[in-house]
All heavy atoms as atom14 arrays in JSON, in Angstrom:
{
  "sequence": "ISLSAIFPRRYGVESRWAAFKMAWKDAAKI",
  "atom14_mask": [
    [1, 1, 1, 1, 1, 1, 1, 1, 0, 0, 0, 0, 0, 0],
    [1, 1, 1, 1, 1, 1, 0, 0, 0, 0, 0, 0, 0, 0],
    [1, 1, 1, 1, 1, 1, 1, 1, 0, 0, 0, 0, 0, 0],
    [1, 1, 1, 1, 1, 1, 0, 0, 0, 0, 0, 0, 0, 0],
    [1, 1, 1, 1, 1, 0, 0, 0, 0, 0, 0, 0, 0, 0],
    [1, 1, 1, 1, 1, 1, 1, 1, 0, 0, 0, 0, 0, 0],
    [1, 1, 1, 1, 1, 1, 1, 1, 1, 1, 1, 0, 0, 0],
    [1, 1, 1, 1, 1, 1, 1, 0, 0, 0, 0, 0, 0, 0],
    [1, 1, 1, 1, 1, 1, 1, 1, 1, 1, 1, 0, 0, 0],
    [1, 1, 1, 1, 1, 1, 1, 1, 1, 1, 1, 0, 0, 0],
    [1, 1, 1, 1, 1, 1, 1, 1, 1, 1, 1, 1, 0, 0],
    [1, 1, 1, 1, 0, 0, 0, 0, 0, 0, 0, 0, 0, 0],
    [1, 1, 1, 1, 1, 1, 1, 0, 0, 0, 0, 0, 0, 0],
    [1, 1, 1, 1, 1, 1, 1, 1, 1, 0, 0, 0, 0, 0],
    [1, 1, 1, 1, 1, 1, 0, 0, 0, 0, 0, 0, 0, 0],
    [1, 1, 1, 1, 1, 1, 1, 1, 1, 1, 1, 0, 0, 0],
    [1, 1, 1, 1, 1, 1, 1, 1, 1, 1, 1, 1, 1, 1],
    [1, 1, 1, 1, 1, 0, 0, 0, 0, 0, 0, 0, 0, 0],
    [1, 1, 1, 1, 1, 0, 0, 0, 0, 0, 0, 0, 0, 0],
    [1, 1, 1, 1, 1, 1, 1, 1, 1, 1, 1, 0, 0, 0],
    [1, 1, 1, 1, 1, 1, 1, 1, 1, 0, 0, 0, 0, 0],
    [1, 1, 1, 1, 1, 1, 1, 1, 0, 0, 0, 0, 0, 0],
    [1, 1, 1, 1, 1, 0, 0, 0, 0, 0, 0, 0, 0, 0],
    [1, 1, 1, 1, 1, 1, 1, 1, 1, 1, 1, 1, 1, 1],
    [1, 1, 1, 1, 1, 1, 1, 1, 1, 0, 0, 0, 0, 0],
    [1, 1, 1, 1, 1, 1, 1, 1, 0, 0, 0, 0, 0, 0],
    [1, 1, 1, 1, 1, 0, 0, 0, 0, 0, 0, 0, 0, 0],
    [1, 1, 1, 1, 1, 0, 0, 0, 0, 0, 0, 0, 0, 0],
    [1, 1, 1, 1, 1, 1, 1, 1, 1, 0, 0, 0, 0, 0],
    [1, 1, 1, 1, 1, 1, 1, 1, 0, 0, 0, 0, 0, 0]
  ],
  "atom14_positions": [
    [[112.09, 89.67, 123.21], [111.13, 88.7, 122.65], [111.11, 87.45, 123.54], [110.08, 86.91, 123.83], [111.5, 88.33, 121.22], [111.28, 89.51, 120.27], [110.72, 87.1, 120.73], [111.86, 89.35, 118.91], [0.0, 0.0, 0.0], [0.0, 0.0, 0.0], [0.0, 0.0, 0.0], [0.0, 0.0, 0.0], [0.0, 0.0, 0.0], [0.0, 0.0, 0.0]],
    [[112.3, 86.99, 123.95], [112.4, 85.78, 124.76], [111.73, 85.95, 126.13], [111.25, 84.98, 126.69], [113.85, 85.35, 124.91], [114.5, 86.16, 125.87], [0.0, 0.0, 0.0], [0.0, 0.0, 0.0], [0.0, 0.0, 0.0], [0.0, 0.0, 0.0], [0.0, 0.0, 0.0], [0.0, 0.0, 0.0], [0.0, 0.0, 0.0], [0.0, 0.0, 0.0]],
    [[111.74, 87.17, 126.63], [111.16, 87.41, 127.95], [109.64, 87.63, 127.86], [108.93, 87.42, 128.85], [111.78, 88.65, 128.58], [113.27, 88.54, 128.93], [113.78, 89.9, 129.46], [113.49, 87.48, 130.0], [0.0, 0.0, 0.0], [0.0, 0.0, 0.0], [0.0, 0.0, 0.0], [0.0, 0.0, 0.0], [0.0, 0.0, 0.0], [0.0, 0.0, 0.0]],
    [[109.17, 88.07, 126.72], [107.77, 88.45, 126.57], [106.78, 87.31, 126.84], [105.74, 87.51, 127.48], [107.51, 89.04, 125.17], [107.71, 88.05, 124.18], [0.0, 0.0, 0.0], [0.0, 0.0, 0.0], [0.0, 0.0, 0.0], [0.0, 0.0, 0.0], [0.0, 0.0, 0.0], [0.0, 0.0, 0.0], [0.0, 0.0, 0.0], [0.0, 0.0, 0.0]],
    [[107.12, 86.13, 126.38], [106.21, 84.99, 126.56], [106.2, 84.47, 127.99], [105.23, 83.82, 128.43], [106.59, 83.84, 125.61], [0.0, 0.0, 0.0], [0.0, 0.0, 0.0], [0.0, 0.0, 0.0], [0.0, 0.0, 0.0], [0.0, 0.0, 0.0], [0.0, 0.0, 0.0], [0.0, 0.0, 0.0], [0.0, 0.0, 0.0], [0.0, 0.0, 0.0]],
    [[107.23, 84.78, 128.75], [107.33, 84.31, 130.14], [106.76, 85.41, 131.09], [106.14, 85.07, 132.07], [108.78, 84.0, 130.51], [109.35, 82.92, 129.6], [108.86, 83.53, 131.98], [108.6, 81.64, 129.65], [0.0, 0.0, 0.0], [0.0, 0.0, 0.0], [0.0, 0.0, 0.0], [0.0, 0.0, 0.0], [0.0, 0.0, 0.0], [0.0, 0.0, 0.0]],
    [[107.01, 86.64, 130.73], [106.56, 87.75, 131.59], [105.68, 88.71, 130.77], [106.12, 89.84, 130.44], [107.75, 88.52, 132.17], [108.73, 87.63, 132.89], [109.98, 87.35, 132.32], [108.39, 87.11, 134.13], [110.89, 86.52, 133.01], [109.31, 86.26, 134.8], [110.56, 86.0, 134.22], [0.0, 0.0, 0.0], [0.0, 0.0, 0.0], [0.0, 0.0, 0.0]],
    [[104.5, 88.29, 130.39], [103.62, 89.12, 129.53], [103.23, 90.47, 130.2], [102.91, 91.41, 129.47], [102.4, 88.24, 129.32], [102.4, 87.29, 130.46], [103.85, 87.02, 130.78], [0.0, 0.0, 0.0], [0.0, 0.0, 0.0], [0.0, 0.0, 0.0], [0.0, 0.0, 0.0], [0.0, 0.0, 0.0], [0.0, 0.0, 0.0], [0.0, 0.0, 0.0]],
    [[103.27, 90.5, 131.5], [102.86, 91.73, 132.19], [103.85, 92.87, 131.9], [103.54, 94.04, 132.23], [102.73, 91.5, 133.68], [101.52, 90.63, 134.03], [101.33, 90.53, 135.54], [100.2, 89.66, 135.85], [99.79, 89.41, 137.1], [100.47, 89.92, 138.13], [98.72, 88.62, 137.29], [0.0, 0.0, 0.0], [0.0, 0.0, 0.0], [0.0, 0.0, 0.0]],
    [[104.98, 92.56, 131.36], [105.92, 93.6, 130.94], [105.26, 94.48, 129.9], [105.63, 95.63, 129.69], [107.21, 93.02, 130.39], [108.02, 92.23, 131.39], [109.2, 91.52, 130.75], [110.28, 92.45, 130.48], [110.65, 92.78, 129.26], [110.01, 92.31, 128.21], [111.64, 93.63, 129.06], [0.0, 0.0, 0.0], [0.0, 0.0, 0.0], [0.0, 0.0, 0.0]],
    [[104.29, 93.91, 129.19], [103.53, 94.65, 128.15], [102.14, 95.03, 128.66], [101.29, 95.46, 127.89], [103.43, 93.84, 126.89], [104.67, 93.97, 126.02], [105.66, 93.07, 126.04], [104.8, 95.07, 125.17], [106.82, 93.2, 125.23], [105.94, 95.23, 124.37], [106.93, 94.29, 124.4], [108.05, 94.45, 123.63], [0.0, 0.0, 0.0], [0.0, 0.0, 0.0]],
    [[101.9, 94.78, 129.94], [100.6, 95.15, 130.51], [99.47, 94.3, 130.07], [98.29, 94.7, 130.09], [0.0, 0.0, 0.0], [0.0, 0.0, 0.0], [0.0, 0.0, 0.0], [0.0, 0.0, 0.0], [0.0, 0.0, 0.0], [0.0, 0.0, 0.0], [0.0, 0.0, 0.0], [0.0, 0.0, 0.0], [0.0, 0.0, 0.0], [0.0, 0.0, 0.0]],
    [[99.74, 93.02, 129.67], [98.71, 92.09, 129.27], [98.89, 90.76, 130.0], [99.98, 90.49, 130.56], [98.75, 91.85, 127.74], [98.45, 93.13, 126.98], [100.1, 91.28, 127.3], [0.0, 0.0, 0.0], [0.0, 0.0, 0.0], [0.0, 0.0, 0.0], [0.0, 0.0, 0.0], [0.0, 0.0, 0.0], [0.0, 0.0, 0.0], [0.0, 0.0, 0.0]],
    [[97.86, 89.92, 130.0], [97.94, 88.62, 130.6], [98.26, 87.53, 129.62], [98.86, 86.52, 129.98], [96.58, 88.29, 131.28], [96.17, 89.22, 132.41], [97.11, 89.07, 133.62], [97.7, 87.98, 133.8], [97.25, 90.08, 134.36], [0.0, 0.0, 0.0], [0.0, 0.0, 0.0], [0.0, 0.0, 0.0], [0.0, 0.0, 0.0], [0.0, 0.0, 0.0]],
    [[97.94, 87.73, 128.36], [98.14, 86.75, 127.32], [99.6, 86.7, 126.9], [100.19, 87.73, 126.48], [97.28, 87.05, 126.09], [97.66, 86.27, 124.98], [0.0, 0.0, 0.0], [0.0, 0.0, 0.0], [0.0, 0.0, 0.0], [0.0, 0.0, 0.0], [0.0, 0.0, 0.0], [0.0, 0.0, 0.0], [0.0, 0.0, 0.0], [0.0, 0.0, 0.0]],
    [[100.21, 85.55, 126.96], [101.6, 85.37, 126.55], [101.74, 85.56, 125.04], [102.72, 86.14, 124.59], [102.11, 83.98, 126.91], [102.09, 83.68, 128.43], [102.54, 82.27, 128.72], [102.32, 81.92, 130.09], [103.19, 82.21, 131.1], [104.28, 82.87, 130.84], [102.91, 81.85, 132.34], [0.0, 0.0, 0.0], [0.0, 0.0, 0.0], [0.0, 0.0, 0.0]],
    [[100.75, 85.08, 124.27], [100.77, 85.22, 122.82], [100.69, 86.69, 122.44], [101.39, 87.15, 121.52], [99.68, 84.4, 122.2], [99.57, 84.54, 120.7], [98.51, 85.0, 120.02], [100.57, 84.18, 119.75], [98.77, 84.96, 118.68], [100.05, 84.45, 118.46], [101.85, 83.62, 119.85], [100.74, 84.23, 117.28], [102.56, 83.39, 118.69], [101.99, 83.7, 117.42]],
    [[99.82, 87.43, 123.11], [99.67, 88.85, 122.82], [100.97, 89.62, 123.09], [101.4, 90.46, 122.31], [98.54, 89.47, 123.59], [0.0, 0.0, 0.0], [0.0, 0.0, 0.0], [0.0, 0.0, 0.0], [0.0, 0.0, 0.0], [0.0, 0.0, 0.0], [0.0, 0.0, 0.0], [0.0, 0.0, 0.0], [0.0, 0.0, 0.0], [0.0, 0.0, 0.0]],
    [[101.61, 89.28, 124.23], [102.88, 89.91, 124.56], [103.97, 89.55, 123.58], [104.8, 90.42, 123.2], [103.28, 89.51, 126.0], [0.0, 0.0, 0.0], [0.0, 0.0, 0.0], [0.0, 0.0, 0.0], [0.0, 0.0, 0.0], [0.0, 0.0, 0.0], [0.0, 0.0, 0.0], [0.0, 0.0, 0.0], [0.0, 0.0, 0.0], [0.0, 0.0, 0.0]],
    [[103.95, 88.3, 123.15], [104.98, 87.84, 122.17], [104.81, 88.63, 120.87], [105.86, 89.06, 120.29], [104.73, 86.35, 121.92], [105.72, 85.7, 121.02], [107.03, 85.45, 121.44], [105.37, 85.32, 119.73], [107.94, 84.84, 120.57], [106.28, 84.72, 118.86], [107.56, 84.48, 119.27], [0.0, 0.0, 0.0], [0.0, 0.0, 0.0], [0.0, 0.0, 0.0]],
    [[103.61, 88.82, 120.39], [103.38, 89.56, 119.16], [103.8, 91.02, 119.35], [104.36, 91.67, 118.44], [101.92, 89.46, 118.74], [101.53, 88.07, 118.24], [100.15, 88.07, 117.58], [99.08, 88.33, 118.6], [97.71, 88.26, 117.97], [0.0, 0.0, 0.0], [0.0, 0.0, 0.0], [0.0, 0.0, 0.0], [0.0, 0.0, 0.0], [0.0, 0.0, 0.0]],
    [[103.52, 91.58, 120.49], [103.87, 93.01, 120.76], [105.38, 93.17, 120.79], [105.94, 94.15, 120.31], [103.25, 93.47, 122.09], [101.74, 93.53, 122.01], [100.95, 93.75, 123.68], [101.4, 95.46, 124.04], [0.0, 0.0, 0.0], [0.0, 0.0, 0.0], [0.0, 0.0, 0.0], [0.0, 0.0, 0.0], [0.0, 0.0, 0.0], [0.0, 0.0, 0.0]],
    [[106.07, 92.12, 121.29], [107.54, 92.19, 121.35], [108.14, 92.15, 119.92], [109.09, 92.84, 119.64], [108.09, 91.02, 122.16], [0.0, 0.0, 0.0], [0.0, 0.0, 0.0], [0.0, 0.0, 0.0], [0.0, 0.0, 0.0], [0.0, 0.0, 0.0], [0.0, 0.0, 0.0], [0.0, 0.0, 0.0], [0.0, 0.0, 0.0], [0.0, 0.0, 0.0]],
    [[107.49, 91.4, 119.02], [107.97, 91.36, 117.68], [107.73, 92.68, 116.95], [108.52, 93.11, 116.1], [107.3, 90.21, 116.89], [108.09, 88.95, 117.0], [107.76, 87.86, 117.78], [109.32, 88.62, 116.37], [108.75, 86.86, 117.64], [109.7, 87.31, 116.79], [110.17, 89.31, 115.52], [110.88, 86.7, 116.37], [111.35, 88.7, 115.07], [111.69, 87.42, 115.52]],
    [[106.62, 93.33, 117.27], [106.34, 94.64, 116.68], [107.41, 95.64, 117.16], [107.84, 96.48, 116.36], [104.93, 95.11, 117.09], [103.81, 94.35, 116.4], [102.44, 94.87, 116.85], [101.32, 94.08, 116.15], [99.97, 94.54, 116.58], [0.0, 0.0, 0.0], [0.0, 0.0, 0.0], [0.0, 0.0, 0.0], [0.0, 0.0, 0.0], [0.0, 0.0, 0.0]],
    [[107.76, 95.53, 118.42], [108.82, 96.4, 118.96], [110.15, 96.1, 118.24], [110.96, 97.04, 117.98], [108.99, 96.24, 120.44], [107.95, 97.03, 121.24], [107.28, 97.89, 120.61], [107.8, 96.76, 122.45], [0.0, 0.0, 0.0], [0.0, 0.0, 0.0], [0.0, 0.0, 0.0], [0.0, 0.0, 0.0], [0.0, 0.0, 0.0], [0.0, 0.0, 0.0]],
    [[110.41, 94.84, 117.98], [111.64, 94.44, 117.31], [111.72, 95.06, 115.91], [112.74, 95.57, 115.47], [111.76, 92.92, 117.21], [0.0, 0.0, 0.0], [0.0, 0.0, 0.0], [0.0, 0.0, 0.0], [0.0, 0.0, 0.0], [0.0, 0.0, 0.0], [0.0, 0.0, 0.0], [0.0, 0.0, 0.0], [0.0, 0.0, 0.0], [0.0, 0.0, 0.0]],
    [[110.56, 95.07, 115.23], [110.5, 95.67, 113.89], [110.82, 97.16, 113.95], [111.52, 97.68, 113.06], [109.1, 95.47, 113.29], [0.0, 0.0, 0.0], [0.0, 0.0, 0.0], [0.0, 0.0, 0.0], [0.0, 0.0, 0.0], [0.0, 0.0, 0.0], [0.0, 0.0, 0.0], [0.0, 0.0, 0.0], [0.0, 0.0, 0.0], [0.0, 0.0, 0.0]],
    [[110.34, 97.82, 114.97], [110.65, 99.25, 115.15], [112.12, 99.46, 115.48], [112.73, 100.39, 114.93], [109.78, 99.82, 116.24], [108.28, 99.85, 115.95], [107.48, 100.32, 117.17], [105.96, 100.19, 116.89], [105.17, 100.58, 118.1], [0.0, 0.0, 0.0], [0.0, 0.0, 0.0], [0.0, 0.0, 0.0], [0.0, 0.0, 0.0], [0.0, 0.0, 0.0]],
    [[112.66, 98.62, 116.28], [114.08, 98.71, 116.65], [114.98, 98.51, 115.42], [116.04, 99.11, 115.32], [114.45, 97.67, 117.73], [113.97, 98.11, 119.08], [115.93, 97.35, 117.76], [114.75, 99.29, 119.67], [0.0, 0.0, 0.0], [0.0, 0.0, 0.0], [0.0, 0.0, 0.0], [0.0, 0.0, 0.0], [0.0, 0.0, 0.0], [0.0, 0.0, 0.0]]
  ]
}
């Protein structure tokens, strides 16, 4: 989650907010 807002391309997106939300969804799955 902490990396998602800095490196959004890890999720294949440009938006930091979108990556941040995707990281939280992954956290819920974990």
